[in-house]
C-alpha atoms as a PDB file:
ATOM      1  CA  MET A   1       0.000   0.000   0.000  1.00  0.00           C
ATOM      2  CA  ARG A   2       1.587   3.242  -1.162  1.00  0.00           C
ATOM      3  CA  VAL A   3       0.599   6.490   0.548  1.00  0.00           C
ATOM      4  CA  ARG A   4       1.494  10.134   0.030  1.00  0.00           C
ATOM      5  CA  VAL A   5       3.591  11.651   2.826  1.00  0.00           C
ATOM      6  CA  THR A   6       4.817  15.202   3.399  1.00  0.00           C
ATOM      7  CA  LEU A   7       8.394  16.090   4.333  1.00  0.00           C
ATOM      8  CA  SER A   8       9.107  19.195   6.398  1.00  0.00           C
ATOM      9  CA  CYS A   9      12.363  20.988   7.120  1.00  0.00           C
ATOM     10  CA  THR A  10      13.665  20.549  10.663  1.00  0.00           C
ATOM     11  CA  GLU A  11      15.140  24.064  10.791  1.00  0.00           C
ATOM     12  CA  CYS A  12      12.393  26.331   9.410  1.00  0.00           C
ATOM     13  CA  LYS A  13       9.452  23.847   9.752  1.00  0.00           C
ATOM     14  CA  ASN A  14       8.161  24.532   6.223  1.00  0.00           C
ATOM     15  CA  ARG A  15       6.570  21.624   4.373  1.00  0.00           C
ATOM     16  CA  ASN A  16       8.535  21.361   1.131  1.00  0.00           C
ATOM     17  CA  TYR A  17       8.109  17.905  -0.411  1.00  0.00           C
ATOM     18  CA  ASN A  18       5.272  15.459  -1.104  1.00  0.00           C
ATOM     19  CA  ILE A  19       6.436  11.929  -1.857  1.00  0.00           C
ATOM     20  CA  MET A  20       4.972   8.441  -2.202  1.00  0.00           C
ATOM     21  CA  LYS A  21       6.034   5.799   0.320  1.00  0.00           C
ATOM     22  CA  ASP A  22       5.361   2.091   0.716  1.00  0.00           C
ATOM     23  CA  LYS A  23       4.027   1.731   4.283  1.00  0.00           C
ATOM     24  CA  LYS A  24       4.391  -2.052   4.322  1.00  0.00           C
ATOM     25  CA  ALA A  25       8.116  -2.024   3.435  1.00  0.00           C
ATOM     26  CA  HIS A  26       8.979   1.092   5.520  1.00  0.00           C
ATOM     27  CA  PRO A  27       6.601   1.539   8.482  1.00  0.00           C
ATOM     28  CA  GLU A  28       8.897   3.969  10.350  1.00  0.00           C
ATOM     29  CA  ARG A  29       8.959   7.717   9.699  1.00  0.00           C
ATOM     30  CA  MET A  30      11.232   8.841   6.915  1.00  0.00           C
ATOM     31  CA  GLU A  31      14.219  11.197   7.364  1.00  0.00           C
ATOM     32  CA  THR A  32      16.332  12.436   4.466  1.00  0.00           C
ATOM     33  CA  SER A  33      18.610  15.321   3.559  1.00  0.00           C
ATOM     34  CA  LYS A  34      16.995  17.544   0.938  1.00  0.00           C
ATOM     35  CA  TYR A  35      17.292  21.106  -0.333  1.00  0.00           C
ATOM     36  CA  CYS A  36      15.121  23.684   1.447  1.00  0.00           C
ATOM     37  CA  ARG A  37      14.380  26.708  -0.722  1.00  0.00           C
ATOM     38  CA  PHE A  38      13.502  28.817   2.316  1.00  0.00           C
ATOM     39  CA  CYS A  39      16.776  28.105   4.171  1.00  0.00           C
ATOM     40  CA  ARG A  40      18.665  28.011   0.840  1.00  0.00           C
ATOM     41  CA  LYS A  41      20.709  24.959   1.870  1.00  0.00           C
ATOM     42  CA  HIS A  42      20.474  21.204   2.344  1.00  0.00           C
ATOM     43  CA  THR A  43      18.791  20.334   5.634  1.00  0.00           C
ATOM     44  CA  LEU A  44      17.283  17.280   7.299  1.00  0.00           C
ATOM     45  CA  HIS A  45      13.641  16.739   6.305  1.00  0.00           C
ATOM     46  CA  LYS A  46      11.312  14.552   8.393  1.00  0.00           C
ATOM     47  CA  GLU A  47       7.988  12.951   7.571  1.00  0.00           C
ATOM     48  CA  THR A  48       4.923  14.741   8.962  1.00  0.00           C
ATOM     49  CA  LYS A  49       1.269  13.777   9.152  1.00  0.00           C
END
């Protein structure tokens, strides 16, 4: 079952990315380093509800 999840920046708290994730293969919350256009640098992005 694939669901859409939102990633938000840990520094400025803006929600920047919407991605699809397979809940069955990866039940834990996702964390990845992505570019934040508000901070203008690569930051850690975490999955939000």
